[in-house]
Amino acid sequence: MPVDEDVAAAREELRAKGVTIVREPVREPWGLVGMWIADPDVTPVVLAEVPADHPLRYRPGT
């Protein structure tokens, strides 16, 4: 499943700044988009996005 344009743009921005992409962005089976990067000490960092159509974004009455 393709990832959102925002995630793709963030990936390219990080890559251009020399950040190591450990795992490319992917929409997980539970609906969130996750991407793993490594910090300068090679500590894994997970970045996650809640897509606009995900139930976590549902706000009744708003």
PDB file of N, CA and C in Angstrom:
ATOM      1  N   MET A   1       0.857  -1.180   0.000  1.00  0.00           N
ATOM      2  CA  MET A   1       0.000   0.000   0.000  1.00  0.00           C
ATOM      3  C   MET A   1       0.904   1.244   0.000  1.00  0.00           C
ATOM      4  N   PRO A   2       0.652   2.199  -0.857  1.00  0.00           N
ATOM      5  CA  PRO A   2       1.519   3.381  -0.914  1.00  0.00           C
ATOM      6  C   PRO A   2       1.395   4.237   0.355  1.00  0.00           C
ATOM      7  N   VAL A   3       2.472   4.942   0.652  1.00  0.00           N
ATOM      8  CA  VAL A   3       2.459   5.840   1.805  1.00  0.00           C
ATOM      9  C   VAL A   3       2.069   7.238   1.347  1.00  0.00           C
ATOM     10  N   ASP A   4       1.691   8.077   2.307  1.00  0.00           N
ATOM     11  CA  ASP A   4       1.263   9.438   2.008  1.00  0.00           C
ATOM     12  C   ASP A   4       2.417  10.271   1.452  1.00  0.00           C
ATOM     13  N   GLU A   5       2.055  11.316   0.709  1.00  0.00           N
ATOM     14  CA  GLU A   5       3.064  12.217   0.148  1.00  0.00           C
ATOM     15  C   GLU A   5       3.886  12.881   1.241  1.00  0.00           C
ATOM     16  N   ASP A   6       3.254  13.198   2.391  1.00  0.00           N
ATOM     17  CA  ASP A   6       3.988  13.831   3.499  1.00  0.00           C
ATOM     18  C   ASP A   6       5.110  12.930   3.994  1.00  0.00           C
ATOM     19  N   VAL A   7       4.826  11.643   4.101  1.00  0.00           N
ATOM     20  CA  VAL A   7       5.826  10.697   4.574  1.00  0.00           C
ATOM     21  C   VAL A   7       6.947  10.572   3.551  1.00  0.00           C
ATOM     22  N   ALA A   8       6.597  10.488   2.282  1.00  0.00           N
ATOM     23  CA  ALA A   8       7.610  10.393   1.228  1.00  0.00           C
ATOM     24  C   ALA A   8       8.498  11.631   1.219  1.00  0.00           C
ATOM     25  N   ALA A   9       7.901  12.806   1.413  1.00  0.00           N
ATOM     26  CA  ALA A   9       8.674  14.049   1.443  1.00  0.00           C
ATOM     27  C   ALA A   9       9.595  14.075   2.662  1.00  0.00           C
ATOM     28  N   ALA A  10       9.109  13.622   3.801  1.00  0.00           N
ATOM     29  CA  ALA A  10       9.941  13.579   5.015  1.00  0.00           C
ATOM     30  C   ALA A  10      11.111  12.625   4.819  1.00  0.00           C
ATOM     31  N   ARG A  11      10.846  11.482   4.193  1.00  0.00           N
ATOM     32  CA  ARG A  11      11.921  10.524   3.923  1.00  0.00           C
ATOM     33  C   ARG A  11      12.999  11.165   3.060  1.00  0.00           C
ATOM     34  N   GLU A  12      12.602  11.853   2.004  1.00  0.00           N
ATOM     35  CA  GLU A  12      13.581  12.477   1.115  1.00  0.00           C
ATOM     36  C   GLU A  12      14.353  13.585   1.824  1.00  0.00           C
ATOM     37  N   GLU A  13      13.668  14.369   2.653  1.00  0.00           N
ATOM     38  CA  GLU A  13      14.342  15.434   3.404  1.00  0.00           C
ATOM     39  C   GLU A  13      15.378  14.841   4.365  1.00  0.00           C
ATOM     40  N   LEU A  14      15.010  13.796   5.078  1.00  0.00           N
ATOM     41  CA  LEU A  14      15.945  13.161   6.011  1.00  0.00           C
ATOM     42  C   LEU A  14      17.124  12.550   5.263  1.00  0.00           C
ATOM     43  N   ARG A  15      16.823  11.862   4.166  1.00  0.00           N
ATOM     44  CA  ARG A  15      17.893  11.239   3.380  1.00  0.00           C
ATOM     45  C   ARG A  15      18.861  12.302   2.852  1.00  0.00           C
ATOM     46  N   ALA A  16      18.334  13.439   2.393  1.00  0.00           N
ATOM     47  CA  ALA A  16      19.177  14.520   1.868  1.00  0.00           C
ATOM     48  C   ALA A  16      20.092  15.098   2.944  1.00  0.00           C
ATOM     49  N   LYS A  17      19.659  14.990   4.205  1.00  0.00           N
ATOM     50  CA  LYS A  17      20.470  15.502   5.321  1.00  0.00           C
ATOM     51  C   LYS A  17      21.418  14.451   5.878  1.00  0.00           C
ATOM     52  N   GLY A  18      21.475  13.299   5.227  1.00  0.00           N
ATOM     53  CA  GLY A  18      22.422  12.263   5.628  1.00  0.00           C
ATOM     54  C   GLY A  18      21.916  11.289   6.676  1.00  0.00           C
ATOM     55  N   VAL A  19      20.634  11.326   6.967  1.00  0.00           N
ATOM     56  CA  VAL A  19      20.065  10.402   7.946  1.00  0.00           C
ATOM     57  C   VAL A  19      19.960   9.018   7.314  1.00  0.00           C
ATOM     58  N   THR A  20      20.359   8.008   8.074  1.00  0.00           N
ATOM     59  CA  THR A  20      20.269   6.636   7.596  1.00  0.00           C
ATOM     60  C   THR A  20      18.840   6.130   7.757  1.00  0.00           C
ATOM     61  N   ILE A  21      18.234   5.745   6.654  1.00  0.00           N
ATOM     62  CA  ILE A  21      16.899   5.148   6.681  1.00  0.00           C
ATOM     63  C   ILE A  21      17.096   3.645   6.880  1.00  0.00           C
ATOM     64  N   VAL A  22      16.692   3.153   8.042  1.00  0.00           N
ATOM     65  CA  VAL A  22      16.864   1.743   8.366  1.00  0.00           C
ATOM     66  C   VAL A  22      15.744   0.918   7.748  1.00  0.00           C
ATOM     67  N   ARG A  23      14.548   1.460   7.768  1.00  0.00           N
ATOM     68  CA  ARG A  23      13.382   0.775   7.186  1.00  0.00           C
ATOM     69  C   ARG A  23      12.531   1.821   6.491  1.00  0.00           C
ATOM     70  N   GLU A  24      12.283   1.599   5.216  1.00  0.00           N
ATOM     71  CA  GLU A  24      11.483   2.532   4.425  1.00  0.00           C
ATOM     72  C   GLU A  24      10.075   2.655   5.014  1.00  0.00           C
ATOM     73  N   PRO A  25       9.407   3.785   4.767  1.00  0.00           N
ATOM     74  CA  PRO A  25       8.049   3.943   5.275  1.00  0.00           C
ATOM     75  C   PRO A  25       7.101   2.893   4.686  1.00  0.00           C
ATOM     76  N   VAL A  26       6.249   2.383   5.543  1.00  0.00           N
ATOM     77  CA  VAL A  26       5.271   1.393   5.111  1.00  0.00           C
ATOM     78  C   VAL A  26       4.004   1.569   5.948  1.00  0.00           C
ATOM     79  N   ARG A  27       2.860   1.387   5.295  1.00  0.00           N
ATOM     80  CA  ARG A  27       1.597   1.410   6.033  1.00  0.00           C
ATOM     81  C   ARG A  27       1.441   0.035   6.673  1.00  0.00           C
ATOM     82  N   GLU A  28       1.423   0.028   7.999  1.00  0.00           N
ATOM     83  CA  GLU A  28       1.316  -1.214   8.755  1.00  0.00           C
ATOM     84  C   GLU A  28      -0.103  -1.771   8.657  1.00  0.00           C
ATOM     85  N   PRO A  29      -0.274  -3.069   8.959  1.00  0.00           N
ATOM     86  CA  PRO A  29      -1.615  -3.657   8.899  1.00  0.00           C
ATOM     87  C   PRO A  29      -2.626  -2.958   9.808  1.00  0.00           C
ATOM     88  N   TRP A  30      -2.175  -2.325  10.876  1.00  0.00           N
ATOM     89  CA  TRP A  30      -3.083  -1.624  11.794  1.00  0.00           C
ATOM     90  C   TRP A  30      -3.353  -0.189  11.365  1.00  0.00           C
ATOM     91  N   GLY A  31      -2.792   0.226  10.222  1.00  0.00           N
ATOM     92  CA  GLY A  31      -3.166   1.501   9.623  1.00  0.00           C
ATOM     93  C   GLY A  31      -2.200   2.645   9.796  1.00  0.00           C
ATOM     94  N   LEU A  32      -1.262   2.571  10.730  1.00  0.00           N
ATOM     95  CA  LEU A  32      -0.293   3.654  10.900  1.00  0.00           C
ATOM     96  C   LEU A  32       0.834   3.493   9.883  1.00  0.00           C
ATOM     97  N   VAL A  33       1.492   4.589   9.571  1.00  0.00           N
ATOM     98  CA  VAL A  33       2.641   4.549   8.677  1.00  0.00           C
ATOM     99  C   VAL A  33       3.886   4.653   9.540  1.00  0.00           C
ATOM    100  N   GLY A  34       4.798   3.699   9.390  1.00  0.00           N
ATOM    101  CA  GLY A  34       6.014   3.695  10.193  1.00  0.00           C
ATOM    102  C   GLY A  34       7.255   3.711   9.335  1.00  0.00           C
ATOM    103  N   MET A  35       8.280   4.400   9.819  1.00  0.00           N
ATOM    104  CA  MET A  35       9.583   4.451   9.160  1.00  0.00           C
ATOM    105  C   MET A  35      10.636   4.424  10.260  1.00  0.00           C
ATOM    106  N   TRP A  36      11.686   3.672  10.073  1.00  0.00           N
ATOM    107  CA  TRP A  36      12.769   3.592  11.052  1.00  0.00           C
ATOM    108  C   TRP A  36      13.986   4.314  10.502  1.00  0.00           C
ATOM    109  N   ILE A  37      14.603   5.112  11.361  1.00  0.00           N
ATOM    110  CA  ILE A  37      15.852   5.794  11.021  1.00  0.00           C
ATOM    111  C   ILE A  37      16.868   5.488  12.118  1.00  0.00           C
ATOM    112  N   ALA A  38      18.118   5.844  11.899  1.00  0.00           N
ATOM    113  CA  ALA A  38      19.163   5.668  12.903  1.00  0.00           C
ATOM    114  C   ALA A  38      19.718   7.039  13.262  1.00  0.00           C
ATOM    115  N   ASP A  39      19.885   7.284  14.550  1.00  0.00           N
ATOM    116  CA  ASP A  39      20.496   8.543  14.965  1.00  0.00           C
ATOM    117  C   ASP A  39      22.020   8.416  14.825  1.00  0.00           C
ATOM    118  N   PRO A  40      22.791   9.479  15.109  1.00  0.00           N
ATOM    119  CA  PRO A  40      24.244   9.408  14.914  1.00  0.00           C
ATOM    120  C   PRO A  40      24.934   8.304  15.721  1.00  0.00           C
ATOM    121  N   ASP A  41      24.324   7.859  16.815  1.00  0.00           N
ATOM    122  CA  ASP A  41      24.889   6.759  17.613  1.00  0.00           C
ATOM    123  C   ASP A  41      24.352   5.410  17.157  1.00  0.00           C
ATOM    124  N   VAL A  42      23.649   5.387  16.044  1.00  0.00           N
ATOM    125  CA  VAL A  42      23.052   4.211  15.433  1.00  0.00           C
ATOM    126  C   VAL A  42      21.934   3.622  16.311  1.00  0.00           C
ATOM    127  N   THR A  43      21.330   4.461  17.133  1.00  0.00           N
ATOM    128  CA  THR A  43      20.168   4.048  17.912  1.00  0.00           C
ATOM    129  C   THR A  43      18.950   4.107  16.997  1.00  0.00           C
ATOM    130  N   PRO A  44      18.179   3.017  16.910  1.00  0.00           N
ATOM    131  CA  PRO A  44      17.003   3.058  16.047  1.00  0.00           C
ATOM    132  C   PRO A  44      15.937   4.015  16.586  1.00  0.00           C
ATOM    133  N   VAL A  45      15.345   4.761  15.692  1.00  0.00           N
ATOM    134  CA  VAL A  45      14.265   5.697  16.023  1.00  0.00           C
ATOM    135  C   VAL A  45      13.109   5.373  15.090  1.00  0.00           C
ATOM    136  N   VAL A  46      11.926   5.189  15.662  1.00  0.00           N
ATOM    137  CA  VAL A  46      10.752   4.884  14.855  1.00  0.00           C
ATOM    138  C   VAL A  46       9.915   6.150  14.719  1.00  0.00           C
ATOM    139  N   LEU A  47       9.630   6.525  13.494  1.00  0.00           N
ATOM    140  CA  LEU A  47       8.749   7.652  13.218  1.00  0.00           C
ATOM    141  C   LEU A  47       7.410   7.076  12.769  1.00  0.00           C
ATOM    142  N   ALA A  48       6.327   7.622  13.295  1.00  0.00           N
ATOM    143  CA  ALA A  48       5.003   7.116  12.938  1.00  0.00           C
ATOM    144  C   ALA A  48       4.089   8.273  12.579  1.00  0.00           C
ATOM    145  N   GLU A  49       3.211   8.009  11.627  1.00  0.00           N
ATOM    146  CA  GLU A  49       2.203   8.981  11.244  1.00  0.00           C
ATOM    147  C   GLU A  49       0.833   8.312  11.329  1.00  0.00           C
ATOM    148  N   VAL A  50      -0.125   9.049  11.868  1.00  0.00           N
ATOM    149  CA  VAL A  50      -1.507   8.592  11.889  1.00  0.00           C
ATOM    150  C   VAL A  50      -2.179   9.213  10.664  1.00  0.00           C
ATOM    151  N   PRO A  51      -2.503   8.409   9.646  1.00  0.00           N
ATOM    152  CA  PRO A  51      -3.127   8.955   8.439  1.00  0.00           C
ATOM    153  C   PRO A  51      -4.464   9.630   8.744  1.00  0.00           C
ATOM    154  N   ALA A  52      -4.834  10.550   7.900  1.00  0.00           N
ATOM    155  CA  ALA A  52      -6.065  11.327   8.096  1.00  0.00           C
ATOM    156  C   ALA A  52      -7.299  10.447   8.188  1.00  0.00           C
ATOM    157  N   ASP A  53      -7.298   9.303   7.508  1.00  0.00           N
ATOM    158  CA  ASP A  53      -8.475   8.430   7.517  1.00  0.00           C
ATOM    159  C   ASP A  53      -8.447   7.368   8.617  1.00  0.00           C
ATOM    160  N   HIS A  54      -7.460   7.432   9.511  1.00  0.00           N
ATOM    161  CA  HIS A  54      -7.340   6.426  10.569  1.00  0.00           C
ATOM    162  C   HIS A  54      -8.320   6.714  11.708  1.00  0.00           C
ATOM    163  N   PRO A  55      -8.902   5.672  12.326  1.00  0.00           N
ATOM    164  CA  PRO A  55      -9.857   5.881  13.430  1.00  0.00           C
ATOM    165  C   PRO A  55      -9.302   6.670  14.624  1.00  0.00           C
ATOM    166  N   LEU A  56      -7.994   6.661  14.830  1.00  0.00           N
ATOM    167  CA  LEU A  56      -7.416   7.443  15.932  1.00  0.00           C
ATOM    168  C   LEU A  56      -7.656   8.945  15.747  1.00  0.00           C
ATOM    169  N   ARG A  57      -7.900   9.361  14.521  1.00  0.00           N
ATOM    170  CA  ARG A  57      -8.154  10.770  14.234  1.00  0.00           C
ATOM    171  C   ARG A  57      -9.623  11.138  14.416  1.00  0.00           C
ATOM    172  N   TYR A  58     -10.469  10.169  14.665  1.00  0.00           N
ATOM    173  CA  TYR A  58     -11.902  10.425  14.802  1.00  0.00           C
ATOM    174  C   TYR A  58     -12.158  11.209  16.088  1.00  0.00           C
ATOM    175  N   ARG A  59     -12.811  12.339  15.963  1.00  0.00           N
ATOM    176  CA  ARG A  59     -13.151  13.188  17.106  1.00  0.00           C
ATOM    177  C   ARG A  59     -14.638  13.507  17.035  1.00  0.00           C
ATOM    178  N   PRO A  60     -15.457  12.738  17.748  1.00  0.00           N
ATOM    179  CA  PRO A  60     -16.901  13.008  17.679  1.00  0.00           C
ATOM    180  C   PRO A  60     -17.229  14.433  18.123  1.00  0.00           C
ATOM    181  N   GLY A  61     -18.144  15.029  17.417  1.00  0.00           N
ATOM    182  CA  GLY A  61     -18.596  16.367  17.783  1.00  0.00           C
ATOM    183  C   GLY A  61     -17.714  17.505  17.308  1.00  0.00           C
ATOM    184  N   THR A  62     -16.676  17.201  16.554  1.00  0.00           N
ATOM    185  CA  THR A  62     -15.804  18.278  16.045  1.00  0.00           C
ATOM    186  C   THR A  62     -15.920  18.402  14.548  1.00  0.00           C
TER     187      THR A  62
END
